[in-house]
Amino acid sequence: MNRIRKGDQVIVITGKYKGQKGEVLRVAEDRVVVQNINLVKRHTKPNPQANQPGGIVEREASIHASNVMLVNSATGKGERVGFKSLDDGRKVRVFRRSGEQADV
């Protein structure tokens, strides 16, 4: 079970984009792609089969998962995440500071 998942609201805690918030678009191994964070320009070839024009395309590049922190919607701040097993056997993410469940 990952601490950060697709669709989570995260805040960047270090680097050029420190303090910016965004939604996780993709998670791969230990890297995440966050919406409108770490934008890079790529030169792409046109692909007529996919109806894709060529040129310079700006898109998000991945950043390491250790450089982002899950945002607690109640406080609006980034918090560390731990895991807890419920009585019915489910394993859920919980915020360390408040102890409340992160999977709401």
PDB file of N, CA and C in Angstrom:
ATOM      1  N   MET A   1       0.850  -1.180   0.000  1.00  0.00           N
ATOM      2  CA  MET A   1       0.000   0.000   0.000  1.00  0.00           C
ATOM      3  C   MET A   1       0.895   1.242   0.000  1.00  0.00           C
ATOM      4  N   ASN A   2       0.622   2.153  -0.901  1.00  0.00           N
ATOM      5  CA  ASN A   2       1.445   3.348  -1.044  1.00  0.00           C
ATOM      6  C   ASN A   2       0.942   4.486  -0.162  1.00  0.00           C
ATOM      7  N   ARG A   3       1.861   5.315   0.258  1.00  0.00           N
ATOM      8  CA  ARG A   3       1.500   6.478   1.049  1.00  0.00           C
ATOM      9  C   ARG A   3       0.838   7.539   0.174  1.00  0.00           C
ATOM     10  N   ILE A   4       1.244   7.607  -1.094  1.00  0.00           N
ATOM     11  CA  ILE A   4       0.672   8.578  -2.017  1.00  0.00           C
ATOM     12  C   ILE A   4       0.067   7.823  -3.192  1.00  0.00           C
ATOM     13  N   ARG A   5      -1.165   8.184  -3.539  1.00  0.00           N
ATOM     14  CA  ARG A   5      -1.896   7.508  -4.610  1.00  0.00           C
ATOM     15  C   ARG A   5      -2.393   8.511  -5.633  1.00  0.00           C
ATOM     16  N   LYS A   6      -2.822   7.982  -6.762  1.00  0.00           N
ATOM     17  CA  LYS A   6      -3.405   8.802  -7.820  1.00  0.00           C
ATOM     18  C   LYS A   6      -4.657   9.498  -7.276  1.00  0.00           C
ATOM     19  N   GLY A   7      -4.776  10.790  -7.576  1.00  0.00           N
ATOM     20  CA  GLY A   7      -5.933  11.560  -7.121  1.00  0.00           C
ATOM     21  C   GLY A   7      -5.723  12.285  -5.809  1.00  0.00           C
ATOM     22  N   ASP A   8      -4.648  11.984  -5.089  1.00  0.00           N
ATOM     23  CA  ASP A   8      -4.366  12.652  -3.816  1.00  0.00           C
ATOM     24  C   ASP A   8      -3.970  14.107  -4.050  1.00  0.00           C
ATOM     25  N   GLN A   9      -4.277  14.950  -3.090  1.00  0.00           N
ATOM     26  CA  GLN A   9      -3.836  16.336  -3.099  1.00  0.00           C
ATOM     27  C   GLN A   9      -2.532  16.378  -2.310  1.00  0.00           C
ATOM     28  N   VAL A  10      -1.443  16.858  -2.943  1.00  0.00           N
ATOM     29  CA  VAL A  10      -0.139  16.880  -2.286  1.00  0.00           C
ATOM     30  C   VAL A  10       0.457  18.279  -2.344  1.00  0.00           C
ATOM     31  N   ILE A  11       1.454  18.503  -1.476  1.00  0.00           N
ATOM     32  CA  ILE A  11       2.215  19.744  -1.469  1.00  0.00           C
ATOM     33  C   ILE A  11       3.685  19.371  -1.652  1.00  0.00           C
ATOM     34  N   VAL A  12       4.399  20.160  -2.460  1.00  0.00           N
ATOM     35  CA  VAL A  12       5.820  19.918  -2.691  1.00  0.00           C
ATOM     36  C   VAL A  12       6.582  20.508  -1.518  1.00  0.00           C
ATOM     37  N   ILE A  13       7.463  19.711  -0.906  1.00  0.00           N
ATOM     38  CA  ILE A  13       8.143  20.157   0.318  1.00  0.00           C
ATOM     39  C   ILE A  13       9.588  20.590   0.082  1.00  0.00           C
ATOM     40  N   THR A  14      10.126  20.366  -1.118  1.00  0.00           N
ATOM     41  CA  THR A  14      11.491  20.781  -1.388  1.00  0.00           C
ATOM     42  C   THR A  14      11.681  21.023  -2.871  1.00  0.00           C
ATOM     43  N   GLY A  15      12.704  21.817  -3.207  1.00  0.00           N
ATOM     44  CA  GLY A  15      13.032  22.060  -4.600  1.00  0.00           C
ATOM     45  C   GLY A  15      12.431  23.337  -5.144  1.00  0.00           C
ATOM     46  N   LYS A  16      12.485  23.442  -6.465  1.00  0.00           N
ATOM     47  CA  LYS A  16      12.059  24.640  -7.177  1.00  0.00           C
ATOM     48  C   LYS A  16      10.579  24.976  -6.956  1.00  0.00           C
ATOM     49  N   TYR A  17       9.759  23.950  -6.810  1.00  0.00           N
ATOM     50  CA  TYR A  17       8.311  24.142  -6.684  1.00  0.00           C
ATOM     51  C   TYR A  17       7.832  24.036  -5.235  1.00  0.00           C
ATOM     52  N   LYS A  18       8.710  24.276  -4.273  1.00  0.00           N
ATOM     53  CA  LYS A  18       8.382  24.148  -2.855  1.00  0.00           C
ATOM     54  C   LYS A  18       7.180  25.008  -2.483  1.00  0.00           C
ATOM     55  N   GLY A  19       6.218  24.398  -1.776  1.00  0.00           N
ATOM     56  CA  GLY A  19       5.040  25.112  -1.308  1.00  0.00           C
ATOM     57  C   GLY A  19       3.850  25.046  -2.246  1.00  0.00           C
ATOM     58  N   GLN A  20       4.050  24.545  -3.456  1.00  0.00           N
ATOM     59  CA  GLN A  20       2.938  24.479  -4.403  1.00  0.00           C
ATOM     60  C   GLN A  20       2.142  23.195  -4.216  1.00  0.00           C
ATOM     61  N   LYS A  21       0.825  23.313  -4.388  1.00  0.00           N
ATOM     62  CA  LYS A  21      -0.060  22.166  -4.229  1.00  0.00           C
ATOM     63  C   LYS A  21      -0.570  21.710  -5.587  1.00  0.00           C
ATOM     64  N   GLY A  22      -0.901  20.421  -5.671  1.00  0.00           N
ATOM     65  CA  GLY A  22      -1.452  19.884  -6.900  1.00  0.00           C
ATOM     66  C   GLY A  22      -1.981  18.481  -6.688  1.00  0.00           C
ATOM     67  N   GLU A  23      -2.657  17.983  -7.710  1.00  0.00           N
ATOM     68  CA  GLU A  23      -3.234  16.641  -7.661  1.00  0.00           C
ATOM     69  C   GLU A  23      -2.296  15.652  -8.339  1.00  0.00           C
ATOM     70  N   VAL A  24      -2.171  14.468  -7.761  1.00  0.00           N
ATOM     71  CA  VAL A  24      -1.311  13.427  -8.323  1.00  0.00           C
ATOM     72  C   VAL A  24      -2.018  12.822  -9.530  1.00  0.00           C
ATOM     73  N   LEU A  25      -1.334  12.851 -10.680  1.00  0.00           N
ATOM     74  CA  LEU A  25      -1.894  12.301 -11.910  1.00  0.00           C
ATOM     75  C   LEU A  25      -1.496  10.843 -12.113  1.00  0.00           C
ATOM     76  N   ARG A  26      -0.240  10.521 -11.789  1.00  0.00           N
ATOM     77  CA  ARG A  26       0.267   9.164 -11.965  1.00  0.00           C
ATOM     78  C   ARG A  26       1.263   8.836 -10.863  1.00  0.00           C
ATOM     79  N   VAL A  27       1.333   7.558 -10.505  1.00  0.00           N
ATOM     80  CA  VAL A  27       2.329   7.070  -9.551  1.00  0.00           C
ATOM     81  C   VAL A  27       3.053   5.908 -10.205  1.00  0.00           C
ATOM     82  N   ALA A  28       4.384   5.964 -10.220  1.00  0.00           N
ATOM     83  CA  ALA A  28       5.181   4.883 -10.783  1.00  0.00           C
ATOM     84  C   ALA A  28       6.376   4.634  -9.862  1.00  0.00           C
ATOM     85  N   GLU A  29       6.398   3.444  -9.244  1.00  0.00           N
ATOM     86  CA  GLU A  29       7.474   3.076  -8.316  1.00  0.00           C
ATOM     87  C   GLU A  29       7.579   4.126  -7.218  1.00  0.00           C
ATOM     88  N   ASP A  30       8.692   4.869  -7.175  1.00  0.00           N
ATOM     89  CA  ASP A  30       8.888   5.873  -6.127  1.00  0.00           C
ATOM     90  C   ASP A  30       8.805   7.298  -6.682  1.00  0.00           C
ATOM     91  N   ARG A  31       8.169   7.457  -7.837  1.00  0.00           N
ATOM     92  CA  ARG A  31       8.041   8.760  -8.459  1.00  0.00           C
ATOM     93  C   ARG A  31       6.573   9.092  -8.711  1.00  0.00           C
ATOM     94  N   VAL A  32       6.242  10.379  -8.651  1.00  0.00           N
ATOM     95  CA  VAL A  32       4.865  10.819  -8.868  1.00  0.00           C
ATOM     96  C   VAL A  32       4.858  11.953  -9.886  1.00  0.00           C
ATOM     97  N   VAL A  33       3.757  12.070 -10.625  1.00  0.00           N
ATOM     98  CA  VAL A  33       3.540  13.182 -11.544  1.00  0.00           C
ATOM     99  C   VAL A  33       2.408  14.011 -10.962  1.00  0.00           C
ATOM    100  N   VAL A  34       2.702  15.293 -10.689  1.00  0.00           N
ATOM    101  CA  VAL A  34       1.741  16.186 -10.048  1.00  0.00           C
ATOM    102  C   VAL A  34       1.293  17.236 -11.066  1.00  0.00           C
ATOM    103  N   GLN A  35       0.006  17.515 -11.074  1.00  0.00           N
ATOM    104  CA  GLN A  35      -0.576  18.447 -12.032  1.00  0.00           C
ATOM    105  C   GLN A  35       0.032  19.842 -11.894  1.00  0.00           C
ATOM    106  N   ASN A  36       0.529  20.384 -13.020  1.00  0.00           N
ATOM    107  CA  ASN A  36       1.126  21.726 -13.125  1.00  0.00           C
ATOM    108  C   ASN A  36       2.365  21.921 -12.261  1.00  0.00           C
ATOM    109  N   ILE A  37       3.058  20.843 -11.933  1.00  0.00           N
ATOM    110  CA  ILE A  37       4.311  20.920 -11.176  1.00  0.00           C
ATOM    111  C   ILE A  37       5.410  20.272 -12.020  1.00  0.00           C
ATOM    112  N   ASN A  38       6.601  20.869 -12.021  1.00  0.00           N
ATOM    113  CA  ASN A  38       7.764  20.355 -12.747  1.00  0.00           C
ATOM    114  C   ASN A  38       7.479  20.249 -14.243  1.00  0.00           C
ATOM    115  N   LEU A  39       7.054  21.360 -14.829  1.00  0.00           N
ATOM    116  CA  LEU A  39       6.750  21.393 -16.260  1.00  0.00           C
ATOM    117  C   LEU A  39       8.032  21.421 -17.078  1.00  0.00           C
ATOM    118  N   VAL A  40       8.092  20.585 -18.114  1.00  0.00           N
ATOM    119  CA  VAL A  40       9.231  20.526 -19.021  1.00  0.00           C
ATOM    120  C   VAL A  40       8.719  20.627 -20.451  1.00  0.00           C
ATOM    121  N   LYS A  41       9.600  21.058 -21.345  1.00  0.00           N
ATOM    122  CA  LYS A  41       9.235  21.151 -22.752  1.00  0.00           C
ATOM    123  C   LYS A  41       9.868  19.986 -23.495  1.00  0.00           C
ATOM    124  N   ARG A  42       9.060  19.308 -24.300  1.00  0.00           N
ATOM    125  CA  ARG A  42       9.510  18.150 -25.065  1.00  0.00           C
ATOM    126  C   ARG A  42       9.267  18.401 -26.541  1.00  0.00           C
ATOM    127  N   HIS A  43      10.235  18.054 -27.377  1.00  0.00           N
ATOM    128  CA  HIS A  43      10.063  18.114 -28.818  1.00  0.00           C
ATOM    129  C   HIS A  43       9.475  16.778 -29.255  1.00  0.00           C
ATOM    130  N   THR A  44       8.280  16.805 -29.836  1.00  0.00           N
ATOM    131  CA  THR A  44       7.622  15.565 -30.221  1.00  0.00           C
ATOM    132  C   THR A  44       7.403  15.513 -31.727  1.00  0.00           C
ATOM    133  N   LYS A  45       7.494  14.315 -32.259  1.00  0.00           N
ATOM    134  CA  LYS A  45       7.215  14.092 -33.670  1.00  0.00           C
ATOM    135  C   LYS A  45       5.713  13.998 -33.873  1.00  0.00           C
ATOM    136  N   PRO A  46       5.227  14.400 -35.030  1.00  0.00           N
ATOM    137  CA  PRO A  46       3.800  14.222 -35.290  1.00  0.00           C
ATOM    138  C   PRO A  46       3.462  12.745 -35.471  1.00  0.00           C
ATOM    139  N   ASN A  47       2.295  12.357 -34.993  1.00  0.00           N
ATOM    140  CA  ASN A  47       1.823  10.986 -35.142  1.00  0.00           C
ATOM    141  C   ASN A  47       0.416  11.037 -35.747  1.00  0.00           C
ATOM    142  N   PRO A  48       0.318  10.864 -37.063  1.00  0.00           N
ATOM    143  CA  PRO A  48      -0.993  10.968 -37.711  1.00  0.00           C
ATOM    144  C   PRO A  48      -1.980   9.892 -37.265  1.00  0.00           C
ATOM    145  N   GLN A  49      -1.483   8.723 -36.885  1.00  0.00           N
ATOM    146  CA  GLN A  49      -2.384   7.643 -36.446  1.00  0.00           C
ATOM    147  C   GLN A  49      -3.102   8.022 -35.154  1.00  0.00           C
ATOM    148  N   ALA A  50      -2.397   8.684 -34.248  1.00  0.00           N
ATOM    149  CA  ALA A  50      -2.997   9.095 -32.975  1.00  0.00           C
ATOM    150  C   ALA A  50      -3.563  10.511 -33.063  1.00  0.00           C
ATOM    151  N   ASN A  51      -3.521  11.104 -34.266  1.00  0.00           N
ATOM    152  CA  ASN A  51      -4.016  12.456 -34.494  1.00  0.00           C
ATOM    153  C   ASN A  51      -3.304  13.455 -33.583  1.00  0.00           C
ATOM    154  N   GLN A  52      -1.976  13.278 -33.468  1.00  0.00           N
ATOM    155  CA  GLN A  52      -1.165  14.097 -32.580  1.00  0.00           C
ATOM    156  C   GLN A  52      -0.246  14.993 -33.412  1.00  0.00           C
ATOM    157  N   PRO A  53      -0.362  16.317 -33.260  1.00  0.00           N
ATOM    158  CA  PRO A  53       0.530  17.199 -34.019  1.00  0.00           C
ATOM    159  C   PRO A  53       1.926  17.229 -33.411  1.00  0.00           C
ATOM    160  N   GLY A  54       2.908  17.572 -34.208  1.00  0.00           N
ATOM    161  CA  GLY A  54       4.275  17.677 -33.714  1.00  0.00           C
ATOM    162  C   GLY A  54       4.549  19.059 -33.178  1.00  0.00           C
ATOM    163  N   GLY A  55       5.743  19.239 -32.628  1.00  0.00           N
ATOM    164  CA  GLY A  55       6.143  20.545 -32.114  1.00  0.00           C
ATOM    165  C   GLY A  55       6.644  20.444 -30.693  1.00  0.00           C
ATOM    166  N   ILE A  56       6.715  21.582 -30.054  1.00  0.00           N
ATOM    167  CA  ILE A  56       7.196  21.639 -28.679  1.00  0.00           C
ATOM    168  C   ILE A  56       5.989  21.557 -27.748  1.00  0.00           C
ATOM    169  N   VAL A  57       5.973  20.520 -26.903  1.00  0.00           N
ATOM    170  CA  VAL A  57       4.858  20.263 -25.994  1.00  0.00           C
ATOM    171  C   VAL A  57       5.332  20.447 -24.561  1.00  0.00           C
ATOM    172  N   GLU A  58       4.546  21.171 -23.767  1.00  0.00           N
ATOM    173  CA  GLU A  58       4.881  21.351 -22.355  1.00  0.00           C
ATOM    174  C   GLU A  58       4.038  20.380 -21.531  1.00  0.00           C
ATOM    175  N   ARG A  59       4.704  19.573 -20.696  1.00  0.00           N
ATOM    176  CA  ARG A  59       3.988  18.602 -19.884  1.00  0.00           C
ATOM    177  C   ARG A  59       4.704  18.422 -18.552  1.00  0.00           C
ATOM    178  N   GLU A  60       4.057  17.696 -17.641  1.00  0.00           N
ATOM    179  CA  GLU A  60       4.618  17.485 -16.312  1.00  0.00           C
ATOM    180  C   GLU A  60       5.639  16.351 -16.333  1.00  0.00           C
ATOM    181  N   ALA A  61       6.748  16.549 -15.655  1.00  0.00           N
ATOM    182  CA  ALA A  61       7.730  15.488 -15.455  1.00  0.00           C
ATOM    183  C   ALA A  61       7.556  14.950 -14.043  1.00  0.00           C
ATOM    184  N   SER A  62       8.058  13.753 -13.801  1.00  0.00           N
ATOM    185  CA  SER A  62       7.890  13.135 -12.492  1.00  0.00           C
ATOM    186  C   SER A  62       8.861  13.732 -11.477  1.00  0.00           C
ATOM    187  N   ILE A  63       8.469  13.676 -10.218  1.00  0.00           N
ATOM    188  CA  ILE A  63       9.348  14.049  -9.116  1.00  0.00           C
ATOM    189  C   ILE A  63       9.323  12.917  -8.103  1.00  0.00           C
ATOM    190  N   HIS A  64      10.338  12.838  -7.283  1.00  0.00           N
ATOM    191  CA  HIS A  64      10.435  11.743  -6.324  1.00  0.00           C
ATOM    192  C   HIS A  64       9.353  11.879  -5.260  1.00  0.00           C
ATOM    193  N   ALA A  65       8.809  10.746  -4.847  1.00  0.00           N
ATOM    194  CA  ALA A  65       7.702  10.737  -3.885  1.00  0.00           C
ATOM    195  C   ALA A  65       8.117  11.295  -2.526  1.00  0.00           C
ATOM    196  N   SER A  66       9.410  11.251  -2.207  1.00  0.00           N
ATOM    197  CA  SER A  66       9.858  11.789  -0.923  1.00  0.00           C
ATOM    198  C   SER A  66       9.822  13.309  -0.893  1.00  0.00           C
ATOM    199  N   ASN A  67       9.660  13.939  -2.057  1.00  0.00           N
ATOM    200  CA  ASN A  67       9.633  15.394  -2.129  1.00  0.00           C
ATOM    201  C   ASN A  67       8.220  15.974  -2.076  1.00  0.00           C
ATOM    202  N   VAL A  68       7.224  15.116  -1.883  1.00  0.00           N
ATOM    203  CA  VAL A  68       5.848  15.593  -1.746  1.00  0.00           C
ATOM    204  C   VAL A  68       5.252  15.048  -0.459  1.00  0.00           C
ATOM    205  N   MET A  69       4.221  15.750   0.036  1.00  0.00           N
ATOM    206  CA  MET A  69       3.570  15.361   1.281  1.00  0.00           C
ATOM    207  C   MET A  69       2.067  15.459   1.094  1.00  0.00           C
ATOM    208  N   LEU A  70       1.342  14.492   1.616  1.00  0.00           N
ATOM    209  CA  LEU A  70      -0.109  14.470   1.500  1.00  0.00           C
ATOM    210  C   LEU A  70      -0.712  15.638   2.268  1.00  0.00           C
ATOM    211  N   VAL A  71      -1.707  16.301   1.671  1.00  0.00           N
ATOM    212  CA  VAL A  71      -2.355  17.454   2.296  1.00  0.00           C
ATOM    213  C   VAL A  71      -3.584  16.980   3.064  1.00  0.00           C
ATOM    214  N   ASN A  72      -3.670  17.397   4.328  1.00  0.00           N
ATOM    215  CA  ASN A  72      -4.849  17.125   5.143  1.00  0.00           C
ATOM    216  C   ASN A  72      -5.911  18.152   4.753  1.00  0.00           C
ATOM    217  N   SER A  73      -7.047  17.683   4.235  1.00  0.00           N
ATOM    218  CA  SER A  73      -8.082  18.602   3.755  1.00  0.00           C
ATOM    219  C   SER A  73      -8.696  19.430   4.885  1.00  0.00           C
ATOM    220  N   ALA A  74      -8.655  18.924   6.102  1.00  0.00           N
ATOM    221  CA  ALA A  74      -9.231  19.649   7.235  1.00  0.00           C
ATOM    222  C   ALA A  74      -8.380  20.868   7.606  1.00  0.00           C
ATOM    223  N   THR A  75      -7.065  20.712   7.600  1.00  0.00           N
ATOM    224  CA  THR A  75      -6.175  21.803   7.992  1.00  0.00           C
ATOM    225  C   THR A  75      -5.585  22.542   6.801  1.00  0.00           C
ATOM    226  N   GLY A  76      -5.524  21.873   5.639  1.00  0.00           N
ATOM    227  CA  GLY A  76      -4.925  22.486   4.455  1.00  0.00           C
ATOM    228  C   GLY A  76      -3.418  22.446   4.455  1.00  0.00           C
ATOM    229  N   LYS A  77      -2.831  21.714   5.401  1.00  0.00           N
ATOM    230  CA  LYS A  77      -1.379  21.617   5.510  1.00  0.00           C
ATOM    231  C   LYS A  77      -0.920  20.202   5.171  1.00  0.00           C
ATOM    232  N   GLY A  78       0.357  20.067   4.835  1.00  0.00           N
ATOM    233  CA  GLY A  78       0.934  18.756   4.570  1.00  0.00           C
ATOM    234  C   GLY A  78       1.184  18.027   5.870  1.00  0.00           C
ATOM    235  N   GLU A  79       0.880  16.733   5.875  1.00  0.00           N
ATOM    236  CA  GLU A  79       1.103  15.921   7.068  1.00  0.00           C
ATOM    237  C   GLU A  79       1.712  14.593   6.691  1.00  0.00           C
ATOM    238  N   ARG A  80       2.452  14.014   7.629  1.00  0.00           N
ATOM    239  CA  ARG A  80       2.998  12.683   7.428  1.00  0.00           C
ATOM    240  C   ARG A  80       1.877  11.661   7.513  1.00  0.00           C
ATOM    241  N   VAL A  81       2.083  10.530   6.858  1.00  0.00           N
ATOM    242  CA  VAL A  81       1.050   9.503   6.779  1.00  0.00           C
ATOM    243  C   VAL A  81       1.592   8.197   7.339  1.00  0.00           C
ATOM    244  N   GLY A  82       0.757   7.549   8.150  1.00  0.00           N
ATOM    245  CA  GLY A  82       1.069   6.223   8.665  1.00  0.00           C
ATOM    246  C   GLY A  82      -0.043   5.269   8.288  1.00  0.00           C
ATOM    247  N   PHE A  83       0.056   4.034   8.745  1.00  0.00           N
ATOM    248  CA  PHE A  83      -0.951   3.033   8.441  1.00  0.00           C
ATOM    249  C   PHE A  83      -1.521   2.456   9.726  1.00  0.00           C
ATOM    250  N   LYS A  84      -2.780   2.041   9.631  1.00  0.00           N
ATOM    251  CA  LYS A  84      -3.466   1.489  10.793  1.00  0.00           C
ATOM    252  C   LYS A  84      -4.399   0.387  10.307  1.00  0.00           C
ATOM    253  N   SER A  85      -4.468  -0.697  11.038  1.00  0.00           N
ATOM    254  CA  SER A  85      -5.392  -1.771  10.701  1.00  0.00           C
ATOM    255  C   SER A  85      -6.678  -1.598  11.500  1.00  0.00           C
ATOM    256  N   LEU A  86      -7.793  -1.642  10.792  1.00  0.00           N
ATOM    257  CA  LEU A  86      -9.090  -1.509  11.453  1.00  0.00           C
ATOM    258  C   LEU A  86      -9.543  -2.863  11.981  1.00  0.00           C
ATOM    259  N   ASP A  87     -10.615  -2.851  12.770  1.00  0.00           N
ATOM    260  CA  ASP A  87     -11.136  -4.081  13.369  1.00  0.00           C
ATOM    261  C   ASP A  87     -11.611  -5.079  12.317  1.00  0.00           C
ATOM    262  N   ASP A  88     -12.121  -4.568  11.189  1.00  0.00           N
ATOM    263  CA  ASP A  88     -12.617  -5.472  10.156  1.00  0.00           C
ATOM    264  C   ASP A  88     -11.505  -5.986   9.240  1.00  0.00           C
ATOM    265  N   GLY A  89     -10.247  -5.652   9.538  1.00  0.00           N
ATOM    266  CA  GLY A  89      -9.112  -6.184   8.789  1.00  0.00           C
ATOM    267  C   GLY A  89      -8.592  -5.271   7.694  1.00  0.00           C
ATOM    268  N   ARG A  90      -9.282  -4.164   7.439  1.00  0.00           N
ATOM    269  CA  ARG A  90      -8.814  -3.242   6.406  1.00  0.00           C
ATOM    270  C   ARG A  90      -7.625  -2.429   6.916  1.00  0.00           C
ATOM    271  N   LYS A  91      -6.708  -2.111   5.993  1.00  0.00           N
ATOM    272  CA  LYS A  91      -5.546  -1.296   6.310  1.00  0.00           C
ATOM    273  C   LYS A  91      -5.772   0.078   5.695  1.00  0.00           C
ATOM    274  N   VAL A  92      -5.739   1.132   6.507  1.00  0.00           N
ATOM    275  CA  VAL A  92      -6.035   2.477   6.036  1.00  0.00           C
ATOM    276  C   VAL A  92      -4.879   3.421   6.357  1.00  0.00           C
ATOM    277  N   ARG A  93      -4.825   4.511   5.600  1.00  0.00           N
ATOM    278  CA  ARG A  93      -3.832   5.558   5.859  1.00  0.00           C
ATOM    279  C   ARG A  93      -4.387   6.527   6.897  1.00  0.00           C
ATOM    280  N   VAL A  94      -3.547   6.934   7.825  1.00  0.00           N
ATOM    281  CA  VAL A  94      -3.946   7.911   8.850  1.00  0.00           C
ATOM    282  C   VAL A  94      -2.887   9.010   8.918  1.00  0.00           C
ATOM    283  N   PHE A  95      -3.351  10.224   9.218  1.00  0.00           N
ATOM    284  CA  PHE A  95      -2.424  11.336   9.409  1.00  0.00           C
ATOM    285  C   PHE A  95      -1.770  11.197  10.767  1.00  0.00           C
ATOM    286  N   ARG A  96      -0.464  11.383  10.822  1.00  0.00           N
ATOM    287  CA  ARG A  96       0.296  11.204  12.066  1.00  0.00           C
ATOM    288  C   ARG A  96      -0.069  12.245  13.121  1.00  0.00           C
ATOM    289  N   ARG A  97      -0.212  13.494  12.718  1.00  0.00           N
ATOM    290  CA  ARG A  97      -0.442  14.555  13.696  1.00  0.00           C
ATOM    291  C   ARG A  97      -1.825  14.476  14.314  1.00  0.00           C
ATOM    292  N   SER A  98      -2.856  14.344  13.465  1.00  0.00           N
ATOM    293  CA  SER A  98      -4.233  14.372  13.972  1.00  0.00           C
ATOM    294  C   SER A  98      -4.762  12.978  14.281  1.00  0.00           C
ATOM    295  N   GLY A  99      -4.220  11.944  13.635  1.00  0.00           N
ATOM    296  CA  GLY A  99      -4.700  10.585  13.855  1.00  0.00           C
ATOM    297  C   GLY A  99      -5.943  10.250  13.080  1.00  0.00           C
ATOM    298  N   GLU A 100      -6.459  11.199  12.303  1.00  0.00           N
ATOM    299  CA  GLU A 100      -7.671  10.913  11.545  1.00  0.00           C
ATOM    300  C   GLU A 100      -7.358  10.182  10.239  1.00  0.00           C
ATOM    301  N   GLN A 101      -8.357   9.532   9.709  1.00  0.00           N
ATOM    302  CA  GLN A 101      -8.190   8.694   8.531  1.00  0.00           C
ATOM    303  C   GLN A 101      -7.980   9.573   7.294  1.00  0.00           C
ATOM    304  N   ALA A 102      -7.004   9.193   6.457  1.00  0.00           N
ATOM    305  CA  ALA A 102      -6.681   9.971   5.265  1.00  0.00           C
ATOM    306  C   ALA A 102      -7.504   9.534   4.065  1.00  0.00           C
ATOM    307  N   ASP A 103      -8.142   8.384   4.108  1.00  0.00           N
ATOM    308  CA  ASP A 103      -8.890   7.849   2.968  1.00  0.00           C
ATOM    309  C   ASP A 103     -10.367   8.221   3.059  1.00  0.00           C
ATOM    310  N   VAL A 104     -10.637   9.503   3.007  1.00  0.00           N
ATOM    311  CA  VAL A 104     -12.034   9.930   3.105  1.00  0.00           C
ATOM    312  C   VAL A 104     -12.574  10.289   1.748  1.00  0.00           C
TER     313      VAL A 104
END
